[in-house]
Amino acid sequence: MGEQILKVSCPCCKNGRLFDVLPDTEGTIQIKCPCCRKIIQISLHNKKIRTERIGA
């Protein structure tokens, strides 16, 4: 239970918590932000999170 949970936020709006992930999670996903409705790509590699907006 001592693992730190990382918060994933939206790069387009002020939604500071889309979901939580464990630091060991790896991969790339695309989701739609429930607040601003923009599609966001989230890359989880080497315990780092990178978010970017997809499209115009």
PDB file of N, CA and C in Angstrom:
ATOM      1  N   MET A   1       0.816  -1.203   0.000  1.00  0.00           N
ATOM      2  CA  MET A   1       0.000   0.000   0.000  1.00  0.00           C
ATOM      3  C   MET A   1       0.856   1.263   0.000  1.00  0.00           C
ATOM      4  N   GLY A   2       2.175   1.122   0.008  1.00  0.00           N
ATOM      5  CA  GLY A   2       3.048   2.273   0.064  1.00  0.00           C
ATOM      6  C   GLY A   2       3.371   2.858  -1.300  1.00  0.00           C
ATOM      7  N   GLU A   3       2.787   2.290  -2.383  1.00  0.00           N
ATOM      8  CA  GLU A   3       3.089   2.797  -3.713  1.00  0.00           C
ATOM      9  C   GLU A   3       2.459   4.164  -3.932  1.00  0.00           C
ATOM     10  N   GLN A   4       3.209   5.020  -4.603  1.00  0.00           N
ATOM     11  CA  GLN A   4       2.718   6.354  -4.918  1.00  0.00           C
ATOM     12  C   GLN A   4       1.853   6.273  -6.174  1.00  0.00           C
ATOM     13  N   ILE A   5       0.732   6.962  -6.170  1.00  0.00           N
ATOM     14  CA  ILE A   5      -0.167   7.002  -7.318  1.00  0.00           C
ATOM     15  C   ILE A   5       0.018   8.342  -8.020  1.00  0.00           C
ATOM     16  N   LEU A   6       0.180   8.308  -9.348  1.00  0.00           N
ATOM     17  CA  LEU A   6       0.377   9.516 -10.135  1.00  0.00           C
ATOM     18  C   LEU A   6      -0.956   9.991 -10.698  1.00  0.00           C
ATOM     19  N   LYS A   7      -1.185  11.299 -10.676  1.00  0.00           N
ATOM     20  CA  LYS A   7      -2.410  11.889 -11.219  1.00  0.00           C
ATOM     21  C   LYS A   7      -2.157  12.312 -12.661  1.00  0.00           C
ATOM     22  N   VAL A   8      -3.073  11.977 -13.556  1.00  0.00           N
ATOM     23  CA  VAL A   8      -2.984  12.363 -14.960  1.00  0.00           C
ATOM     24  C   VAL A   8      -3.963  13.503 -15.182  1.00  0.00           C
ATOM     25  N   SER A   9      -3.464  14.623 -15.735  1.00  0.00           N
ATOM     26  CA  SER A   9      -4.320  15.789 -15.951  1.00  0.00           C
ATOM     27  C   SER A   9      -4.462  16.083 -17.442  1.00  0.00           C
ATOM     28  N   CYS A  10      -5.474  16.871 -17.780  1.00  0.00           N
ATOM     29  CA  CYS A  10      -5.741  17.259 -19.168  1.00  0.00           C
ATOM     30  C   CYS A  10      -4.852  18.449 -19.536  1.00  0.00           C
ATOM     31  N   PRO A  11      -4.148  18.395 -20.690  1.00  0.00           N
ATOM     32  CA  PRO A  11      -3.319  19.528 -21.099  1.00  0.00           C
ATOM     33  C   PRO A  11      -4.124  20.665 -21.725  1.00  0.00           C
ATOM     34  N   CYS A  12      -5.412  20.449 -22.010  1.00  0.00           N
ATOM     35  CA  CYS A  12      -6.236  21.431 -22.715  1.00  0.00           C
ATOM     36  C   CYS A  12      -7.110  22.272 -21.795  1.00  0.00           C
ATOM     37  N   CYS A  13      -7.492  21.730 -20.661  1.00  0.00           N
ATOM     38  CA  CYS A  13      -8.385  22.463 -19.766  1.00  0.00           C
ATOM     39  C   CYS A  13      -7.859  22.373 -18.335  1.00  0.00           C
ATOM     40  N   LYS A  14      -8.615  22.816 -17.400  1.00  0.00           N
ATOM     41  CA  LYS A  14      -8.168  22.847 -16.017  1.00  0.00           C
ATOM     42  C   LYS A  14      -8.542  21.585 -15.233  1.00  0.00           C
ATOM     43  N   ASN A  15      -8.946  20.528 -15.945  1.00  0.00           N
ATOM     44  CA  ASN A  15      -9.255  19.261 -15.286  1.00  0.00           C
ATOM     45  C   ASN A  15      -7.941  18.646 -14.798  1.00  0.00           C
ATOM     46  N   GLY A  16      -7.703  18.721 -13.516  1.00  0.00           N
ATOM     47  CA  GLY A  16      -6.435  18.286 -12.948  1.00  0.00           C
ATOM     48  C   GLY A  16      -6.364  16.821 -12.614  1.00  0.00           C
ATOM     49  N   ARG A  17      -7.439  16.073 -12.848  1.00  0.00           N
ATOM     50  CA  ARG A  17      -7.408  14.663 -12.476  1.00  0.00           C
ATOM     51  C   ARG A  17      -8.319  13.847 -13.390  1.00  0.00           C
ATOM     52  N   LEU A  18      -7.770  13.394 -14.514  1.00  0.00           N
ATOM     53  CA  LEU A  18      -8.524  12.517 -15.406  1.00  0.00           C
ATOM     54  C   LEU A  18      -8.639  11.128 -14.799  1.00  0.00           C
ATOM     55  N   PHE A  19      -7.528  10.603 -14.321  1.00  0.00           N
ATOM     56  CA  PHE A  19      -7.492   9.302 -13.654  1.00  0.00           C
ATOM     57  C   PHE A  19      -6.153   9.164 -12.948  1.00  0.00           C
ATOM     58  N   ASP A  20      -6.008   8.118 -12.179  1.00  0.00           N
ATOM     59  CA  ASP A  20      -4.774   7.845 -11.456  1.00  0.00           C
ATOM     60  C   ASP A  20      -4.123   6.591 -12.037  1.00  0.00           C
ATOM     61  N   VAL A  21      -2.781   6.558 -12.026  1.00  0.00           N
ATOM     62  CA  VAL A  21      -2.049   5.380 -12.476  1.00  0.00           C
ATOM     63  C   VAL A  21      -0.951   5.054 -11.478  1.00  0.00           C
ATOM     64  N   LEU A  22      -0.549   3.799 -11.479  1.00  0.00           N
ATOM     65  CA  LEU A  22       0.597   3.389 -10.687  1.00  0.00           C
ATOM     66  C   LEU A  22       1.867   3.731 -11.459  1.00  0.00           C
ATOM     67  N   PRO A  23       2.967   4.021 -10.779  1.00  0.00           N
ATOM     68  CA  PRO A  23       4.205   4.406 -11.473  1.00  0.00           C
ATOM     69  C   PRO A  23       4.734   3.343 -12.436  1.00  0.00           C
ATOM     70  N   ASP A  24       4.419   2.070 -12.238  1.00  0.00           N
ATOM     71  CA  ASP A  24       4.928   1.002 -13.103  1.00  0.00           C
ATOM     72  C   ASP A  24       4.121   0.821 -14.382  1.00  0.00           C
ATOM     73  N   THR A  25       3.048   1.583 -14.574  1.00  0.00           N
ATOM     74  CA  THR A  25       2.193   1.452 -15.751  1.00  0.00           C
ATOM     75  C   THR A  25       2.938   1.945 -16.986  1.00  0.00           C
ATOM     76  N   GLU A  26       2.876   1.181 -18.080  1.00  0.00           N
ATOM     77  CA  GLU A  26       3.544   1.559 -19.321  1.00  0.00           C
ATOM     78  C   GLU A  26       2.568   1.443 -20.479  1.00  0.00           C
ATOM     79  N   GLY A  27       2.743   2.278 -21.505  1.00  0.00           N
ATOM     80  CA  GLY A  27       1.925   2.192 -22.705  1.00  0.00           C
ATOM     81  C   GLY A  27       1.422   3.554 -23.151  1.00  0.00           C
ATOM     82  N   THR A  28       0.604   3.539 -24.190  1.00  0.00           N
ATOM     83  CA  THR A  28       0.022   4.756 -24.749  1.00  0.00           C
ATOM     84  C   THR A  28      -1.475   4.529 -24.919  1.00  0.00           C
ATOM     85  N   ILE A  29      -2.276   5.505 -24.481  1.00  0.00           N
ATOM     86  CA  ILE A  29      -3.724   5.414 -24.630  1.00  0.00           C
ATOM     87  C   ILE A  29      -4.263   6.742 -25.142  1.00  0.00           C
ATOM     88  N   GLN A  30      -5.455   6.711 -25.702  1.00  0.00           N
ATOM     89  CA  GLN A  30      -6.165   7.924 -26.097  1.00  0.00           C
ATOM     90  C   GLN A  30      -7.503   7.924 -25.387  1.00  0.00           C
ATOM     91  N   ILE A  31      -7.851   9.074 -24.802  1.00  0.00           N
ATOM     92  CA  ILE A  31      -9.143   9.216 -24.136  1.00  0.00           C
ATOM     93  C   ILE A  31      -9.732  10.572 -24.490  1.00  0.00           C
ATOM     94  N   LYS A  32     -11.013  10.735 -24.203  1.00  0.00           N
ATOM     95  CA  LYS A  32     -11.679  12.019 -24.380  1.00  0.00           C
ATOM     96  C   LYS A  32     -11.886  12.613 -23.000  1.00  0.00           C
ATOM     97  N   CYS A  33     -11.437  13.850 -22.800  1.00  0.00           N
ATOM     98  CA  CYS A  33     -11.596  14.531 -21.519  1.00  0.00           C
ATOM     99  C   CYS A  33     -13.086  14.752 -21.261  1.00  0.00           C
ATOM    100  N   PRO A  34     -13.579  14.383 -20.091  1.00  0.00           N
ATOM    101  CA  PRO A  34     -15.001  14.566 -19.804  1.00  0.00           C
ATOM    102  C   PRO A  34     -15.406  16.030 -19.646  1.00  0.00           C
ATOM    103  N   CYS A  35     -14.447  16.911 -19.416  1.00  0.00           N
ATOM    104  CA  CYS A  35     -14.778  18.338 -19.236  1.00  0.00           C
ATOM    105  C   CYS A  35     -14.770  19.104 -20.562  1.00  0.00           C
ATOM    106  N   CYS A  36     -13.649  19.058 -21.291  1.00  0.00           N
ATOM    107  CA  CYS A  36     -13.528  19.862 -22.511  1.00  0.00           C
ATOM    108  C   CYS A  36     -13.832  19.072 -23.787  1.00  0.00           C
ATOM    109  N   ARG A  37     -13.997  17.749 -23.689  1.00  0.00           N
ATOM    110  CA  ARG A  37     -14.353  16.869 -24.806  1.00  0.00           C
ATOM    111  C   ARG A  37     -13.270  16.771 -25.885  1.00  0.00           C
ATOM    112  N   LYS A  38     -12.045  17.142 -25.579  1.00  0.00           N
ATOM    113  CA  LYS A  38     -10.947  17.020 -26.525  1.00  0.00           C
ATOM    114  C   LYS A  38     -10.329  15.629 -26.386  1.00  0.00           C
ATOM    115  N   ILE A  39      -9.819  15.083 -27.498  1.00  0.00           N
ATOM    116  CA  ILE A  39      -9.159  13.786 -27.463  1.00  0.00           C
ATOM    117  C   ILE A  39      -7.699  14.004 -27.074  1.00  0.00           C
ATOM    118  N   ILE A  40      -7.239  13.215 -26.120  1.00  0.00           N
ATOM    119  CA  ILE A  40      -5.910  13.385 -25.548  1.00  0.00           C
ATOM    120  C   ILE A  40      -5.157  12.069 -25.653  1.00  0.00           C
ATOM    121  N   GLN A  41      -3.894  12.145 -26.077  1.00  0.00           N
ATOM    122  CA  GLN A  41      -3.033  10.965 -26.078  1.00  0.00           C
ATOM    123  C   GLN A  41      -2.155  11.022 -24.842  1.00  0.00           C
ATOM    124  N   ILE A  42      -2.087   9.916 -24.135  1.00  0.00           N
ATOM    125  CA  ILE A  42      -1.319   9.849 -22.900  1.00  0.00           C
ATOM    126  C   ILE A  42      -0.272   8.758 -23.050  1.00  0.00           C
ATOM    127  N   SER A  43       1.007   9.139 -22.924  1.00  0.00           N
ATOM    128  CA  SER A  43       2.107   8.186 -23.006  1.00  0.00           C
ATOM    129  C   SER A  43       2.657   7.958 -21.612  1.00  0.00           C
ATOM    130  N   LEU A  44       2.729   6.708 -21.208  1.00  0.00           N
ATOM    131  CA  LEU A  44       3.242   6.329 -19.898  1.00  0.00           C
ATOM    132  C   LEU A  44       4.467   5.444 -20.118  1.00  0.00           C
ATOM    133  N   HIS A  45       5.660   6.017 -19.955  1.00  0.00           N
ATOM    134  CA  HIS A  45       6.898   5.273 -20.155  1.00  0.00           C
ATOM    135  C   HIS A  45       7.930   5.715 -19.127  1.00  0.00           C
ATOM    136  N   ASN A  46       8.657   4.763 -18.587  1.00  0.00           N
ATOM    137  CA  ASN A  46       9.744   5.024 -17.642  1.00  0.00           C
ATOM    138  C   ASN A  46       9.320   5.908 -16.480  1.00  0.00           C
ATOM    139  N   LYS A  47       8.137   5.632 -15.926  1.00  0.00           N
ATOM    140  CA  LYS A  47       7.598   6.361 -14.777  1.00  0.00           C
ATOM    141  C   LYS A  47       7.370   7.845 -15.070  1.00  0.00           C
ATOM    142  N   LYS A  48       7.224   8.212 -16.361  1.00  0.00           N
ATOM    143  CA  LYS A  48       6.938   9.594 -16.751  1.00  0.00           C
ATOM    144  C   LYS A  48       5.637   9.614 -17.542  1.00  0.00           C
ATOM    145  N   ILE A  49       4.883  10.688 -17.376  1.00  0.00           N
ATOM    146  CA  ILE A  49       3.606  10.851 -18.069  1.00  0.00           C
ATOM    147  C   ILE A  49       3.726  12.025 -19.029  1.00  0.00           C
ATOM    148  N   ARG A  50       3.325  11.806 -20.283  1.00  0.00           N
ATOM    149  CA  ARG A  50       3.298  12.887 -21.258  1.00  0.00           C
ATOM    150  C   ARG A  50       1.907  12.926 -21.865  1.00  0.00           C
ATOM    151  N   THR A  51       1.260  14.092 -21.815  1.00  0.00           N
ATOM    152  CA  THR A  51      -0.072  14.238 -22.398  1.00  0.00           C
ATOM    153  C   THR A  51      -0.012  15.243 -23.533  1.00  0.00           C
ATOM    154  N   GLU A  52      -0.763  14.983 -24.598  1.00  0.00           N
ATOM    155  CA  GLU A  52      -0.836  15.931 -25.703  1.00  0.00           C
ATOM    156  C   GLU A  52      -2.203  15.852 -26.356  1.00  0.00           C
ATOM    157  N   ARG A  53      -2.632  16.971 -26.892  1.00  0.00           N
ATOM    158  CA  ARG A  53      -3.924  17.062 -27.565  1.00  0.00           C
ATOM    159  C   ARG A  53      -3.798  16.488 -28.965  1.00  0.00           C
ATOM    160  N   ILE A  54      -4.791  15.744 -29.401  1.00  0.00           N
ATOM    161  CA  ILE A  54      -4.816  15.144 -30.732  1.00  0.00           C
ATOM    162  C   ILE A  54      -5.786  15.944 -31.589  1.00  0.00           C
ATOM    163  N   GLY A  55      -5.380  16.320 -32.801  1.00  0.00           N
ATOM    164  CA  GLY A  55      -6.256  17.049 -33.710  1.00  0.00           C
ATOM    165  C   GLY A  55      -6.118  18.552 -33.563  1.00  0.00           C
ATOM    166  N   ALA A  56      -7.042  19.277 -34.206  1.00  0.00           N
ATOM    167  CA  ALA A  56      -6.959  20.739 -34.239  1.00  0.00           C
ATOM    168  C   ALA A  56      -7.512  21.395 -33.022  1.00  0.00           C
TER     169      ALA A  56
END
